[in-house]
Each structure stands twice: as structure tokens, then as C-alpha cells.
Amino acid sequence: GIGFAGIKGFSGGFGERVLEPWGESVIKRFV
């Protein structure tokens, strides 16, 4: 009766410090 959902660990920041898709194409792919 308990649900579990999962994804791999990743990064990118959060809140006001989240990485934005701006500038180089490699940054946009990362975001």
C-alpha cells in the first residue's frame, strides 16, 4: 500500500539557484 517512484541521481540546482538553459549548447543540454 505504499507507492515508490524513482529516477537516477542528477543535478542542476533548485529554487533561485537553479541552472538556466542559457548560453552554450552544452548547458542547454544539461538543463
PDB file of all heavy atoms in Angstrom:
ATOM      1  N   GLY A   1       0.781  -1.224   0.000  1.00  0.00           N
ATOM      2  CA  GLY A   1       0.000   0.000   0.000  1.00  0.00           C
ATOM      3  C   GLY A   1       0.814   1.275   0.000  1.00  0.00           C
ATOM      4  O   GLY A   1       0.262   2.365   0.137  1.00  0.00           O
ATOM      5  N   ILE A   2       2.130   1.153  -0.156  1.00  0.00           N
ATOM      6  CA  ILE A   2       2.998   2.333  -0.235  1.00  0.00           C
ATOM      7  C   ILE A   2       3.576   2.397  -1.636  1.00  0.00           C
ATOM      8  O   ILE A   2       4.092   1.403  -2.167  1.00  0.00           O
ATOM      9  CB  ILE A   2       4.129   2.273   0.805  1.00  0.00           C
ATOM     10  CG1 ILE A   2       3.533   2.265   2.211  1.00  0.00           C
ATOM     11  CG2 ILE A   2       5.090   3.455   0.649  1.00  0.00           C
ATOM     12  CD1 ILE A   2       4.556   2.111   3.297  1.00  0.00           C
ATOM     13  N   GLY A   3       3.491   3.567  -2.254  1.00  0.00           N
ATOM     14  CA  GLY A   3       3.975   3.735  -3.619  1.00  0.00           C
ATOM     15  C   GLY A   3       5.401   4.258  -3.653  1.00  0.00           C
ATOM     16  O   GLY A   3       5.783   5.117  -2.859  1.00  0.00           O
ATOM     17  N   PHE A   4       6.180   3.721  -4.582  1.00  0.00           N
ATOM     18  CA  PHE A   4       7.565   4.141  -4.776  1.00  0.00           C
ATOM     19  C   PHE A   4       7.753   4.542  -6.237  1.00  0.00           C
ATOM     20  O   PHE A   4       7.285   3.854  -7.146  1.00  0.00           O
ATOM     21  CB  PHE A   4       8.534   2.997  -4.459  1.00  0.00           C
ATOM     22  CG  PHE A   4       8.538   2.564  -3.019  1.00  0.00           C
ATOM     23  CD1 PHE A   4       7.567   1.699  -2.542  1.00  0.00           C
ATOM     24  CD2 PHE A   4       9.516   3.021  -2.153  1.00  0.00           C
ATOM     25  CE1 PHE A   4       7.559   1.293  -1.217  1.00  0.00           C
ATOM     26  CE2 PHE A   4       9.523   2.617  -0.823  1.00  0.00           C
ATOM     27  CZ  PHE A   4       8.544   1.756  -0.356  1.00  0.00           C
ATOM     28  N   ALA A   5       8.438   5.647  -6.445  1.00  0.00           N
ATOM     29  CA  ALA A   5       8.795   6.068  -7.797  1.00  0.00           C
ATOM     30  C   ALA A   5      10.238   6.534  -7.774  1.00  0.00           C
ATOM     31  O   ALA A   5      10.694   7.101  -6.772  1.00  0.00           O
ATOM     32  CB  ALA A   5       7.875   7.189  -8.280  1.00  0.00           C
ATOM     33  N   GLY A   6      10.967   6.295  -8.855  1.00  0.00           N
ATOM     34  CA  GLY A   6      12.386   6.631  -8.804  1.00  0.00           C
ATOM     35  C   GLY A   6      12.961   7.080 -10.130  1.00  0.00           C
ATOM     36  O   GLY A   6      12.456   6.749 -11.209  1.00  0.00           O
ATOM     37  N   ILE A   7      14.031   7.867 -10.033  1.00  0.00           N
ATOM     38  CA  ILE A   7      14.832   8.287 -11.176  1.00  0.00           C
ATOM     39  C   ILE A   7      16.295   8.240 -10.759  1.00  0.00           C
ATOM     40  O   ILE A   7      16.605   8.119  -9.578  1.00  0.00           O
ATOM     41  CB  ILE A   7      14.484   9.717 -11.642  1.00  0.00           C
ATOM     42  CG1 ILE A   7      14.602  10.706 -10.479  1.00  0.00           C
ATOM     43  CG2 ILE A   7      13.090   9.768 -12.257  1.00  0.00           C
ATOM     44  CD1 ILE A   7      14.465  12.156 -10.863  1.00  0.00           C
ATOM     45  N   LYS A   8      17.180   8.373 -11.728  1.00  0.00           N
ATOM     46  CA  LYS A   8      18.607   8.414 -11.397  1.00  0.00           C
ATOM     47  C   LYS A   8      18.936   9.720 -10.674  1.00  0.00           C
ATOM     48  O   LYS A   8      18.222  10.721 -10.774  1.00  0.00           O
ATOM     49  CB  LYS A   8      19.443   8.318 -12.667  1.00  0.00           C
ATOM     50  CG  LYS A   8      19.376   9.554 -13.558  1.00  0.00           C
ATOM     51  CD  LYS A   8      20.164   9.355 -14.830  1.00  0.00           C
ATOM     52  CE  LYS A   8      20.090  10.606 -15.717  1.00  0.00           C
ATOM     53  NZ  LYS A   8      20.744  10.401 -17.027  1.00  0.00           N
ATOM     54  N   GLY A   9      20.046   9.726  -9.943  1.00  0.00           N
ATOM     55  CA  GLY A   9      20.518  10.955  -9.322  1.00  0.00           C
ATOM     56  C   GLY A   9      21.055  11.901 -10.380  1.00  0.00           C
ATOM     57  O   GLY A   9      21.719  11.478 -11.331  1.00  0.00           O
ATOM     58  N   PHE A  10      20.753  13.178 -10.244  1.00  0.00           N
ATOM     59  CA  PHE A  10      21.244  14.172 -11.192  1.00  0.00           C
ATOM     60  C   PHE A  10      21.385  15.498 -10.461  1.00  0.00           C
ATOM     61  O   PHE A  10      21.203  15.577  -9.239  1.00  0.00           O
ATOM     62  CB  PHE A  10      20.293  14.288 -12.400  1.00  0.00           C
ATOM     63  CG  PHE A  10      20.973  14.779 -13.651  1.00  0.00           C
ATOM     64  CD1 PHE A  10      21.947  14.005 -14.268  1.00  0.00           C
ATOM     65  CD2 PHE A  10      20.656  16.003 -14.206  1.00  0.00           C
ATOM     66  CE1 PHE A  10      22.589  14.447 -15.415  1.00  0.00           C
ATOM     67  CE2 PHE A  10      21.286  16.455 -15.358  1.00  0.00           C
ATOM     68  CZ  PHE A  10      22.249  15.676 -15.964  1.00  0.00           C
ATOM     69  N   SER A  11      21.738  16.554 -11.162  1.00  0.00           N
ATOM     70  CA  SER A  11      21.946  17.853 -10.523  1.00  0.00           C
ATOM     71  C   SER A  11      21.351  18.943 -11.393  1.00  0.00           C
ATOM     72  O   SER A  11      20.668  18.674 -12.374  1.00  0.00           O
ATOM     73  CB  SER A  11      23.445  18.093 -10.295  1.00  0.00           C
ATOM     74  OG  SER A  11      24.153  18.002 -11.514  1.00  0.00           O
ATOM     75  N   GLY A  12      21.619  20.189 -11.044  1.00  0.00           N
ATOM     76  CA  GLY A  12      21.071  21.303 -11.801  1.00  0.00           C
ATOM     77  C   GLY A  12      20.663  22.488 -10.942  1.00  0.00           C
ATOM     78  O   GLY A  12      20.284  23.529 -11.448  1.00  0.00           O
ATOM     79  N   GLY A  13      20.753  22.311  -9.609  1.00  0.00           N
ATOM     80  CA  GLY A  13      20.355  23.394  -8.726  1.00  0.00           C
ATOM     81  C   GLY A  13      18.852  23.425  -8.506  1.00  0.00           C
ATOM     82  O   GLY A  13      18.102  22.654  -9.110  1.00  0.00           O
ATOM     83  N   PHE A  14      18.387  24.307  -7.608  1.00  0.00           N
ATOM     84  CA  PHE A  14      16.952  24.416  -7.337  1.00  0.00           C
ATOM     85  C   PHE A  14      16.648  25.799  -6.781  1.00  0.00           C
ATOM     86  O   PHE A  14      17.550  26.530  -6.362  1.00  0.00           O
ATOM     87  CB  PHE A  14      16.487  23.331  -6.364  1.00  0.00           C
ATOM     88  CG  PHE A  14      17.232  23.290  -5.066  1.00  0.00           C
ATOM     89  CD1 PHE A  14      16.787  24.002  -3.960  1.00  0.00           C
ATOM     90  CD2 PHE A  14      18.394  22.530  -4.947  1.00  0.00           C
ATOM     91  CE1 PHE A  14      17.471  23.960  -2.777  1.00  0.00           C
ATOM     92  CE2 PHE A  14      19.089  22.488  -3.745  1.00  0.00           C
ATOM     93  CZ  PHE A  14      18.629  23.198  -2.650  1.00  0.00           C
ATOM     94  N   GLY A  15      15.372  26.139  -6.820  1.00  0.00           N
ATOM     95  CA  GLY A  15      14.959  27.444  -6.332  1.00  0.00           C
ATOM     96  C   GLY A  15      15.591  28.559  -7.149  1.00  0.00           C
ATOM     97  O   GLY A  15      15.700  28.477  -8.381  1.00  0.00           O
ATOM     98  N   GLU A  16      16.048  29.604  -6.483  1.00  0.00           N
ATOM     99  CA  GLU A  16      16.663  30.741  -7.167  1.00  0.00           C
ATOM    100  C   GLU A  16      18.028  30.389  -7.752  1.00  0.00           C
ATOM    101  O   GLU A  16      18.569  31.144  -8.571  1.00  0.00           O
ATOM    102  CB  GLU A  16      16.810  31.916  -6.188  1.00  0.00           C
ATOM    103  CG  GLU A  16      15.489  32.501  -5.725  1.00  0.00           C
ATOM    104  CD  GLU A  16      15.686  33.668  -4.785  1.00  0.00           C
ATOM    105  OE1 GLU A  16      16.864  33.956  -4.455  1.00  0.00           O
ATOM    106  OE2 GLU A  16      14.688  34.293  -4.398  1.00  0.00           O
ATOM    107  N   ARG A  17      18.584  29.258  -7.337  1.00  0.00           N
ATOM    108  CA  ARG A  17      19.915  28.866  -7.798  1.00  0.00           C
ATOM    109  C   ARG A  17      19.864  27.788  -8.883  1.00  0.00           C
ATOM    110  O   ARG A  17      20.868  27.171  -9.198  1.00  0.00           O
ATOM    111  CB  ARG A  17      20.746  28.355  -6.610  1.00  0.00           C
ATOM    112  CG  ARG A  17      20.970  29.383  -5.520  1.00  0.00           C
ATOM    113  CD  ARG A  17      21.828  30.552  -6.007  1.00  0.00           C
ATOM    114  NE  ARG A  17      22.098  31.511  -4.952  1.00  0.00           N
ATOM    115  CZ  ARG A  17      21.385  32.606  -4.740  1.00  0.00           C
ATOM    116  NH1 ARG A  17      20.354  32.879  -5.535  1.00  0.00           N
ATOM    117  NH2 ARG A  17      21.674  33.430  -3.750  1.00  0.00           N
ATOM    118  N   VAL A  18      18.700  27.552  -9.455  1.00  0.00           N
ATOM    119  CA  VAL A  18      18.594  26.534 -10.498  1.00  0.00           C
ATOM    120  C   VAL A  18      19.347  26.980 -11.744  1.00  0.00           C
ATOM    121  O   VAL A  18      19.358  28.163 -12.104  1.00  0.00           O
ATOM    122  CB  VAL A  18      17.112  26.245 -10.829  1.00  0.00           C
ATOM    123  CG1 VAL A  18      16.453  27.436 -11.529  1.00  0.00           C
ATOM    124  CG2 VAL A  18      16.973  24.991 -11.671  1.00  0.00           C
ATOM    125  N   LEU A  19      20.027  26.054 -12.379  1.00  0.00           N
ATOM    126  CA  LEU A  19      20.764  26.354 -13.605  1.00  0.00           C
ATOM    127  C   LEU A  19      19.785  26.622 -14.740  1.00  0.00           C
ATOM    128  O   LEU A  19      18.865  25.840 -14.982  1.00  0.00           O
ATOM    129  CB  LEU A  19      21.676  25.180 -13.971  1.00  0.00           C
ATOM    130  CG  LEU A  19      22.578  25.359 -15.192  1.00  0.00           C
ATOM    131  CD1 LEU A  19      23.566  26.498 -14.979  1.00  0.00           C
ATOM    132  CD2 LEU A  19      23.321  24.055 -15.495  1.00  0.00           C
ATOM    133  N   GLU A  20      19.967  27.718 -15.445  1.00  0.00           N
ATOM    134  CA  GLU A  20      19.070  28.106 -16.525  1.00  0.00           C
ATOM    135  C   GLU A  20      19.623  27.673 -17.883  1.00  0.00           C
ATOM    136  O   GLU A  20      20.835  27.622 -18.081  1.00  0.00           O
ATOM    137  CB  GLU A  20      18.878  29.631 -16.535  1.00  0.00           C
ATOM    138  CG  GLU A  20      18.253  30.199 -15.268  1.00  0.00           C
ATOM    139  CD  GLU A  20      16.788  29.841 -15.139  1.00  0.00           C
ATOM    140  OE1 GLU A  20      16.190  29.400 -16.152  1.00  0.00           O
ATOM    141  OE2 GLU A  20      16.231  29.996 -14.036  1.00  0.00           O
ATOM    142  N   PRO A  21      18.733  27.355 -18.854  1.00  0.00           N
ATOM    143  CA  PRO A  21      19.172  26.957 -20.200  1.00  0.00           C
ATOM    144  C   PRO A  21      19.587  28.174 -21.022  1.00  0.00           C
ATOM    145  O   PRO A  21      18.904  28.575 -21.967  1.00  0.00           O
ATOM    146  CB  PRO A  21      17.932  26.265 -20.773  1.00  0.00           C
ATOM    147  CG  PRO A  21      16.786  26.957 -20.107  1.00  0.00           C
ATOM    148  CD  PRO A  21      17.260  27.267 -18.714  1.00  0.00           C
ATOM    149  N   TRP A  22      20.709  28.745 -20.680  1.00  0.00           N
ATOM    150  CA  TRP A  22      21.149  29.995 -21.298  1.00  0.00           C
ATOM    151  C   TRP A  22      22.616  29.865 -21.699  1.00  0.00           C
ATOM    152  O   TRP A  22      23.436  29.356 -20.936  1.00  0.00           O
ATOM    153  CB  TRP A  22      20.971  31.147 -20.317  1.00  0.00           C
ATOM    154  CG  TRP A  22      21.445  32.478 -20.841  1.00  0.00           C
ATOM    155  CD1 TRP A  22      22.651  33.059 -20.631  1.00  0.00           C
ATOM    156  CD2 TRP A  22      20.723  33.351 -21.701  1.00  0.00           C
ATOM    157  NE1 TRP A  22      22.724  34.249 -21.289  1.00  0.00           N
ATOM    158  CE2 TRP A  22      21.553  34.466 -21.952  1.00  0.00           C
ATOM    159  CE3 TRP A  22      19.444  33.310 -22.274  1.00  0.00           C
ATOM    160  CZ2 TRP A  22      21.161  35.525 -22.757  1.00  0.00           C
ATOM    161  CZ3 TRP A  22      19.054  34.370 -23.063  1.00  0.00           C
ATOM    162  CH2 TRP A  22      19.902  35.464 -23.307  1.00  0.00           C
ATOM    163  N   GLY A  23      22.932  30.341 -22.908  1.00  0.00           N
ATOM    164  CA  GLY A  23      24.331  30.357 -23.321  1.00  0.00           C
ATOM    165  C   GLY A  23      24.699  29.157 -24.170  1.00  0.00           C
ATOM    166  O   GLY A  23      24.004  28.807 -25.128  1.00  0.00           O
ATOM    167  N   GLU A  24      25.786  28.498 -23.797  1.00  0.00           N
ATOM    168  CA  GLU A  24      26.325  27.413 -24.615  1.00  0.00           C
ATOM    169  C   GLU A  24      25.333  26.254 -24.754  1.00  0.00           C
ATOM    170  O   GLU A  24      24.555  25.965 -23.856  1.00  0.00           O
ATOM    171  CB  GLU A  24      27.632  26.889 -24.012  1.00  0.00           C
ATOM    172  CG  GLU A  24      28.732  27.914 -23.935  1.00  0.00           C
ATOM    173  CD  GLU A  24      28.764  28.613 -22.587  1.00  0.00           C
ATOM    174  OE1 GLU A  24      27.662  28.777 -21.989  1.00  0.00           O
ATOM    175  OE2 GLU A  24      29.865  28.997 -22.148  1.00  0.00           O
ATOM    176  N   SER A  25      25.431  25.583 -25.890  1.00  0.00           N
ATOM    177  CA  SER A  25      24.514  24.464 -26.152  1.00  0.00           C
ATOM    178  C   SER A  25      24.701  23.336 -25.142  1.00  0.00           C
ATOM    179  O   SER A  25      23.738  22.637 -24.806  1.00  0.00           O
ATOM    180  CB  SER A  25      24.717  23.936 -27.574  1.00  0.00           C
ATOM    181  OG  SER A  25      26.050  23.489 -27.766  1.00  0.00           O
ATOM    182  N   VAL A  26      25.931  23.156 -24.634  1.00  0.00           N
ATOM    183  CA  VAL A  26      26.154  22.081 -23.668  1.00  0.00           C
ATOM    184  C   VAL A  26      25.393  22.354 -22.366  1.00  0.00           C
ATOM    185  O   VAL A  26      24.882  21.425 -21.724  1.00  0.00           O
ATOM    186  CB  VAL A  26      27.667  21.904 -23.389  1.00  0.00           C
ATOM    187  CG1 VAL A  26      28.274  23.128 -22.715  1.00  0.00           C
ATOM    188  CG2 VAL A  26      27.913  20.657 -22.549  1.00  0.00           C
ATOM    189  N   ILE A  27      25.274  23.641 -21.972  1.00  0.00           N
ATOM    190  CA  ILE A  27      24.496  23.986 -20.784  1.00  0.00           C
ATOM    191  C   ILE A  27      23.019  23.700 -21.017  1.00  0.00           C
ATOM    192  O   ILE A  27      22.322  23.167 -20.148  1.00  0.00           O
ATOM    193  CB  ILE A  27      24.693  25.473 -20.424  1.00  0.00           C
ATOM    194  CG1 ILE A  27      26.160  25.749 -20.076  1.00  0.00           C
ATOM    195  CG2 ILE A  27      23.783  25.869 -19.261  1.00  0.00           C
ATOM    196  CD1 ILE A  27      26.658  25.010 -18.858  1.00  0.00           C
ATOM    197  N   LYS A  28      22.538  24.034 -22.212  1.00  0.00           N
ATOM    198  CA  LYS A  28      21.129  23.788 -22.527  1.00  0.00           C
ATOM    199  C   LYS A  28      20.815  22.297 -22.518  1.00  0.00           C
ATOM    200  O   LYS A  28      19.744  21.879 -22.054  1.00  0.00           O
ATOM    201  CB  LYS A  28      20.791  24.401 -23.875  1.00  0.00           C
ATOM    202  CG  LYS A  28      20.881  25.934 -23.884  1.00  0.00           C
ATOM    203  CD  LYS A  28      20.648  26.508 -25.271  1.00  0.00           C
ATOM    204  CE  LYS A  28      20.786  28.030 -25.255  1.00  0.00           C
ATOM    205  NZ  LYS A  28      20.618  28.617 -26.595  1.00  0.00           N
ATOM    206  N   ARG A  29      21.748  21.473 -23.012  1.00  0.00           N
ATOM    207  CA  ARG A  29      21.520  20.020 -23.000  1.00  0.00           C
ATOM    208  C   ARG A  29      21.503  19.494 -21.572  1.00  0.00           C
ATOM    209  O   ARG A  29      20.706  18.599 -21.231  1.00  0.00           O
ATOM    210  CB  ARG A  29      22.599  19.316 -23.819  1.00  0.00           C
ATOM    211  CG  ARG A  29      22.510  19.571 -25.323  1.00  0.00           C
ATOM    212  CD  ARG A  29      23.317  18.564 -26.104  1.00  0.00           C
ATOM    213  NE  ARG A  29      24.732  18.586 -25.757  1.00  0.00           N
ATOM    214  CZ  ARG A  29      25.637  19.363 -26.350  1.00  0.00           C
ATOM    215  NH1 ARG A  29      25.261  20.201 -27.317  1.00  0.00           N
ATOM    216  NH2 ARG A  29      26.912  19.323 -25.987  1.00  0.00           N
ATOM    217  N   PHE A  30      22.376  20.040 -20.742  1.00  0.00           N
ATOM    218  CA  PHE A  30      22.439  19.622 -19.344  1.00  0.00           C
ATOM    219  C   PHE A  30      21.121  19.943 -18.624  1.00  0.00           C
ATOM    220  O   PHE A  30      20.561  19.102 -17.927  1.00  0.00           O
ATOM    221  CB  PHE A  30      23.606  20.332 -18.651  1.00  0.00           C
ATOM    222  CG  PHE A  30      23.849  19.873 -17.241  1.00  0.00           C
ATOM    223  CD1 PHE A  30      24.726  18.834 -16.976  1.00  0.00           C
ATOM    224  CD2 PHE A  30      23.203  20.483 -16.168  1.00  0.00           C
ATOM    225  CE1 PHE A  30      24.951  18.409 -15.666  1.00  0.00           C
ATOM    226  CE2 PHE A  30      23.422  20.067 -14.872  1.00  0.00           C
ATOM    227  CZ  PHE A  30      24.303  19.029 -14.619  1.00  0.00           C
ATOM    228  N   VAL A  31      20.642  21.170 -18.814  1.00  0.00           N
ATOM    229  CA  VAL A  31      19.383  21.570 -18.182  1.00  0.00           C
ATOM    230  C   VAL A  31      18.229  20.727 -18.705  1.00  0.00           C
ATOM    231  O   VAL A  31      17.338  20.321 -17.953  1.00  0.00           O
ATOM    232  CB  VAL A  31      19.119  23.067 -18.417  1.00  0.00           C
ATOM    233  CG1 VAL A  31      17.726  23.461 -17.929  1.00  0.00           C
ATOM    234  CG2 VAL A  31      20.176  23.909 -17.710  1.00  0.00           C
TER     235      VAL A  31
END
